[in-house]
């Protein structure tokens, strides 16, 4: 995406056997350099009454950057489920021609 333009994507986490679970997440250790934001528009509880939970990942950068990182989702037992996320931001017309068109 162009610099300074927010971009976001939504995916769903599916419940597979949990009665009730408060979902937690962990960003990579160098998260201060990664302009990612994670939000749960419907809360972070999944269970029998809620079979899938939407998660929104947002990205906006003011300086050119590209990366691939893993967002770790943790259950109450400490088990980790990773989702890879890739993002890139710059101001090159060759990169953003289709966006600007």
N, C-alpha and C. Protein backbone atom coordinates (compact mmCIF):
# COMPACT_ATOMS: atom_id res chain seq x y z
N UNK A 1 0.85 -1.18 0.00
CA UNK A 1 0.00 0.00 0.00
C UNK A 1 0.89 1.24 0.00
N UNK A 2 0.36 2.36 -0.45
CA UNK A 2 1.13 3.61 -0.38
C UNK A 2 1.37 4.02 1.08
N UNK A 3 2.40 4.81 1.28
CA UNK A 3 2.71 5.29 2.62
C UNK A 3 1.56 6.12 3.18
N UNK A 4 1.26 5.92 4.45
CA UNK A 4 0.22 6.69 5.12
C UNK A 4 -1.20 6.25 4.81
N UNK A 5 -1.36 5.18 4.06
CA UNK A 5 -2.70 4.68 3.73
C UNK A 5 -2.96 3.42 4.55
N UNK A 6 -4.02 3.43 5.37
CA UNK A 6 -4.30 2.24 6.18
C UNK A 6 -4.84 1.09 5.32
N UNK A 7 -4.48 -0.10 5.70
CA UNK A 7 -4.95 -1.30 5.04
C UNK A 7 -5.34 -2.30 6.13
N UNK A 8 -6.40 -3.06 5.89
CA UNK A 8 -6.80 -4.04 6.89
C UNK A 8 -7.38 -5.27 6.21
N UNK A 9 -7.37 -6.35 6.96
CA UNK A 9 -7.92 -7.61 6.48
C UNK A 9 -8.59 -8.30 7.66
N UNK A 10 -9.68 -9.00 7.36
CA UNK A 10 -10.42 -9.72 8.40
C UNK A 10 -10.36 -11.22 8.10
N UNK A 11 -10.10 -11.99 9.12
CA UNK A 11 -10.19 -13.45 9.02
C UNK A 11 -10.93 -13.96 10.25
N UNK A 12 -11.32 -15.21 10.23
CA UNK A 12 -12.08 -15.78 11.33
C UNK A 12 -11.30 -16.93 11.98
N UNK A 13 -11.36 -16.98 13.30
CA UNK A 13 -10.82 -18.10 14.06
C UNK A 13 -12.01 -19.00 14.38
N UNK A 14 -11.89 -20.27 14.04
CA UNK A 14 -12.96 -21.22 14.24
C UNK A 14 -12.77 -21.99 15.54
N UNK A 15 -13.84 -22.16 16.29
CA UNK A 15 -13.80 -22.93 17.52
C UNK A 15 -13.80 -24.41 17.17
N UNK A 16 -12.86 -25.14 17.75
CA UNK A 16 -12.78 -26.57 17.49
C UNK A 16 -12.60 -27.30 18.82
N UNK A 17 -13.69 -27.38 19.61
CA UNK A 17 -13.64 -28.18 20.83
C UNK A 17 -13.57 -27.42 22.13
N UNK A 18 -13.54 -26.10 22.11
CA UNK A 18 -13.49 -25.34 23.35
C UNK A 18 -14.90 -24.99 23.81
N UNK A 19 -15.17 -25.20 25.10
CA UNK A 19 -16.46 -24.78 25.66
C UNK A 19 -16.51 -23.27 25.72
N UNK A 20 -15.54 -22.69 26.38
CA UNK A 20 -15.39 -21.23 26.46
C UNK A 20 -13.90 -20.92 26.48
N UNK A 21 -13.49 -19.98 25.69
CA UNK A 21 -12.08 -19.62 25.62
C UNK A 21 -11.94 -18.13 25.41
N UNK A 22 -11.13 -17.51 26.25
CA UNK A 22 -10.76 -16.10 26.04
C UNK A 22 -9.47 -16.10 25.24
N UNK A 23 -9.56 -15.68 24.00
CA UNK A 23 -8.44 -15.73 23.08
C UNK A 23 -7.47 -14.59 23.36
N UNK A 24 -6.19 -14.93 23.43
CA UNK A 24 -5.14 -13.93 23.58
C UNK A 24 -4.22 -14.01 22.37
N UNK A 25 -3.48 -12.94 22.13
CA UNK A 25 -2.54 -12.96 21.00
C UNK A 25 -1.22 -12.35 21.43
N UNK A 26 -0.19 -12.69 20.69
CA UNK A 26 1.15 -12.14 20.94
C UNK A 26 1.76 -11.79 19.59
N UNK A 27 2.24 -10.55 19.50
CA UNK A 27 2.95 -10.10 18.30
C UNK A 27 4.43 -10.44 18.43
N UNK A 28 5.19 -10.40 17.35
CA UNK A 28 6.63 -10.69 17.43
C UNK A 28 7.34 -9.77 18.42
N UNK A 29 8.49 -10.21 18.88
CA UNK A 29 9.25 -9.47 19.89
C UNK A 29 9.59 -8.06 19.44
N UNK A 30 9.84 -7.85 18.16
CA UNK A 30 10.19 -6.52 17.66
C UNK A 30 8.95 -5.77 17.17
N UNK A 31 7.83 -5.91 17.87
CA UNK A 31 6.58 -5.31 17.44
C UNK A 31 6.63 -3.79 17.36
N UNK A 32 7.57 -3.16 18.05
CA UNK A 32 7.68 -1.70 17.97
C UNK A 32 8.05 -1.24 16.56
N UNK A 33 8.68 -2.13 15.78
CA UNK A 33 9.04 -1.80 14.40
C UNK A 33 7.98 -2.22 13.39
N UNK A 34 6.98 -2.97 13.85
CA UNK A 34 5.93 -3.46 12.97
C UNK A 34 4.64 -2.69 13.25
N UNK A 35 4.17 -1.92 12.31
CA UNK A 35 2.96 -1.11 12.55
C UNK A 35 1.67 -1.92 12.38
N UNK A 36 1.53 -3.00 13.15
CA UNK A 36 0.34 -3.84 13.10
C UNK A 36 -0.58 -3.56 14.28
N UNK A 37 -1.88 -3.61 14.01
CA UNK A 37 -2.87 -3.51 15.08
C UNK A 37 -3.83 -4.68 14.92
N UNK A 38 -4.15 -5.31 16.04
CA UNK A 38 -5.07 -6.44 16.05
C UNK A 38 -6.30 -6.02 16.84
N UNK A 39 -7.49 -6.31 16.30
CA UNK A 39 -8.71 -6.00 17.04
C UNK A 39 -9.71 -7.13 16.87
N UNK A 40 -10.55 -7.26 17.87
CA UNK A 40 -11.61 -8.26 17.89
C UNK A 40 -12.94 -7.50 17.91
N UNK A 41 -13.58 -7.27 16.76
CA UNK A 41 -14.79 -6.45 16.73
C UNK A 41 -15.96 -7.03 17.53
N UNK A 42 -15.97 -8.34 17.73
CA UNK A 42 -17.06 -8.97 18.49
C UNK A 42 -16.58 -9.51 19.82
N UNK A 43 -15.47 -8.99 20.34
CA UNK A 43 -14.90 -9.48 21.59
C UNK A 43 -13.95 -10.63 21.33
N UNK A 44 -13.27 -11.08 22.38
CA UNK A 44 -12.27 -12.13 22.19
C UNK A 44 -12.67 -13.46 22.83
N UNK A 45 -13.97 -13.68 23.05
CA UNK A 45 -14.45 -14.94 23.60
C UNK A 45 -15.03 -15.82 22.51
N UNK A 46 -14.61 -17.08 22.50
CA UNK A 46 -15.13 -18.06 21.56
C UNK A 46 -15.60 -19.26 22.39
N UNK A 47 -16.65 -19.92 21.96
CA UNK A 47 -17.16 -21.05 22.73
C UNK A 47 -18.33 -21.71 22.03
N UNK A 48 -19.16 -22.38 22.81
CA UNK A 48 -20.30 -23.09 22.25
C UNK A 48 -21.28 -22.15 21.57
N UNK A 49 -21.49 -20.98 22.15
CA UNK A 49 -22.44 -20.01 21.59
C UNK A 49 -21.86 -19.24 20.40
N UNK A 50 -20.55 -19.20 20.29
CA UNK A 50 -19.90 -18.46 19.19
C UNK A 50 -18.87 -19.38 18.55
N UNK A 51 -19.23 -19.91 17.37
CA UNK A 51 -18.38 -20.89 16.70
C UNK A 51 -17.22 -20.27 15.95
N UNK A 52 -17.34 -19.01 15.54
CA UNK A 52 -16.22 -18.35 14.86
C UNK A 52 -16.11 -16.92 15.33
N UNK A 53 -14.88 -16.44 15.35
CA UNK A 53 -14.57 -15.13 15.89
C UNK A 53 -13.80 -14.31 14.86
N UNK A 54 -14.34 -13.14 14.43
CA UNK A 54 -13.60 -12.33 13.47
C UNK A 54 -12.43 -11.59 14.13
N UNK A 55 -11.33 -11.53 13.40
CA UNK A 55 -10.13 -10.82 13.83
C UNK A 55 -9.74 -9.87 12.71
N UNK A 56 -9.49 -8.61 13.06
CA UNK A 56 -9.09 -7.62 12.07
C UNK A 56 -7.62 -7.26 12.30
N UNK A 57 -6.82 -7.40 11.26
CA UNK A 57 -5.41 -7.00 11.29
C UNK A 57 -5.28 -5.74 10.45
N UNK A 58 -4.79 -4.65 11.06
CA UNK A 58 -4.63 -3.37 10.37
C UNK A 58 -3.15 -3.02 10.27
N UNK A 59 -2.82 -2.29 9.22
CA UNK A 59 -1.43 -1.92 8.94
C UNK A 59 -1.42 -0.54 8.32
N UNK A 60 -0.52 0.30 8.81
CA UNK A 60 -0.29 1.62 8.21
C UNK A 60 1.14 2.03 8.53
N UNK A 61 1.89 2.44 7.51
CA UNK A 61 3.29 2.82 7.71
C UNK A 61 3.54 4.18 7.09
N UNK A 62 4.34 4.98 7.78
CA UNK A 62 4.72 6.30 7.27
C UNK A 62 6.09 6.27 6.59
N UNK A 63 6.84 5.18 6.80
CA UNK A 63 8.14 4.99 6.17
C UNK A 63 8.08 3.69 5.36
N UNK A 64 8.87 3.59 4.29
CA UNK A 64 8.87 2.34 3.52
C UNK A 64 9.27 1.14 4.39
N UNK A 65 8.48 0.10 4.29
CA UNK A 65 8.74 -1.10 5.09
C UNK A 65 8.06 -2.29 4.42
N UNK A 66 8.65 -3.45 4.58
CA UNK A 66 8.00 -4.69 4.18
C UNK A 66 8.44 -5.77 5.16
N UNK A 67 7.54 -6.68 5.46
CA UNK A 67 7.86 -7.71 6.43
C UNK A 67 6.86 -8.85 6.33
N UNK A 68 7.25 -9.97 6.89
CA UNK A 68 6.37 -11.10 7.16
C UNK A 68 6.58 -11.46 8.62
N UNK A 69 5.51 -11.56 9.36
CA UNK A 69 5.58 -11.85 10.78
C UNK A 69 4.48 -12.84 11.14
N UNK A 70 4.62 -13.47 12.28
CA UNK A 70 3.60 -14.40 12.76
C UNK A 70 2.88 -13.79 13.95
N UNK A 71 1.56 -13.85 13.90
CA UNK A 71 0.75 -13.47 15.06
C UNK A 71 0.40 -14.77 15.76
N UNK A 72 0.78 -14.88 17.02
CA UNK A 72 0.52 -16.09 17.79
C UNK A 72 -0.75 -15.91 18.60
N UNK A 73 -1.70 -16.81 18.41
CA UNK A 73 -2.91 -16.84 19.22
C UNK A 73 -2.74 -17.94 20.25
N UNK A 74 -3.06 -17.62 21.49
CA UNK A 74 -2.81 -18.53 22.60
C UNK A 74 -4.11 -18.96 23.26
N UNK A 75 -4.19 -20.26 23.62
CA UNK A 75 -5.34 -20.71 24.39
C UNK A 75 -4.99 -20.68 25.87
N UNK A 76 -5.90 -21.15 26.71
CA UNK A 76 -5.68 -21.08 28.16
C UNK A 76 -4.59 -22.02 28.64
N UNK A 77 -4.27 -23.05 27.85
CA UNK A 77 -3.21 -23.99 28.21
C UNK A 77 -1.85 -23.54 27.70
N UNK A 78 -1.80 -22.40 27.03
CA UNK A 78 -0.55 -21.89 26.50
C UNK A 78 -0.19 -22.43 25.13
N UNK A 79 -1.09 -23.21 24.52
CA UNK A 79 -0.82 -23.71 23.18
C UNK A 79 -0.91 -22.55 22.20
N UNK A 80 -0.01 -22.59 21.22
CA UNK A 80 0.13 -21.47 20.28
C UNK A 80 -0.32 -21.89 18.89
N UNK A 81 -1.08 -21.00 18.26
CA UNK A 81 -1.52 -21.18 16.88
C UNK A 81 -1.10 -19.93 16.12
N UNK A 82 -0.25 -20.11 15.12
CA UNK A 82 0.34 -18.96 14.43
C UNK A 82 -0.34 -18.69 13.10
N UNK A 83 -0.50 -17.41 12.79
CA UNK A 83 -1.02 -16.94 11.52
C UNK A 83 0.05 -16.03 10.91
N UNK A 84 0.59 -16.36 9.74
CA UNK A 84 1.58 -15.47 9.11
C UNK A 84 0.89 -14.27 8.46
N UNK A 85 1.52 -13.11 8.60
CA UNK A 85 1.00 -11.87 8.02
C UNK A 85 2.14 -11.20 7.27
N UNK A 86 1.86 -10.78 6.04
CA UNK A 86 2.85 -10.05 5.24
C UNK A 86 2.29 -8.69 4.90
N UNK A 87 3.16 -7.68 4.89
CA UNK A 87 2.73 -6.33 4.55
C UNK A 87 3.89 -5.58 3.91
N UNK A 88 3.54 -4.60 3.09
CA UNK A 88 4.54 -3.75 2.45
C UNK A 88 3.94 -2.38 2.20
N UNK A 89 4.75 -1.35 2.41
CA UNK A 89 4.34 0.03 2.14
C UNK A 89 5.52 0.76 1.53
N UNK A 90 5.25 1.48 0.45
CA UNK A 90 6.26 2.35 -0.16
C UNK A 90 5.55 3.36 -1.05
N UNK A 91 6.30 4.20 -1.70
CA UNK A 91 5.70 5.23 -2.56
C UNK A 91 6.13 5.07 -4.01
N UNK A 92 6.47 3.88 -4.42
CA UNK A 92 6.91 3.64 -5.79
C UNK A 92 5.71 3.49 -6.72
N UNK A 93 5.66 4.27 -7.77
CA UNK A 93 4.55 4.21 -8.72
C UNK A 93 4.48 2.85 -9.41
N UNK A 94 5.62 2.21 -9.63
CA UNK A 94 5.62 0.89 -10.25
C UNK A 94 4.92 -0.14 -9.37
N UNK A 95 5.08 -0.01 -8.08
CA UNK A 95 4.44 -0.93 -7.15
C UNK A 95 2.96 -0.66 -7.02
N UNK A 96 2.56 0.60 -7.05
CA UNK A 96 1.18 1.00 -6.74
C UNK A 96 0.36 1.41 -7.96
N UNK A 97 0.81 1.06 -9.13
CA UNK A 97 0.08 1.48 -10.33
C UNK A 97 -1.37 1.00 -10.29
N UNK A 98 -1.59 -0.26 -9.98
CA UNK A 98 -2.96 -0.77 -9.95
C UNK A 98 -3.79 -0.12 -8.85
N UNK A 99 -3.16 0.23 -7.74
CA UNK A 99 -3.85 0.91 -6.65
C UNK A 99 -4.25 2.33 -7.07
N UNK A 100 -3.34 3.03 -7.76
CA UNK A 100 -3.59 4.42 -8.15
C UNK A 100 -4.55 4.50 -9.33
N UNK A 101 -4.61 3.45 -10.13
CA UNK A 101 -5.44 3.43 -11.31
C UNK A 101 -6.87 3.49 -10.88
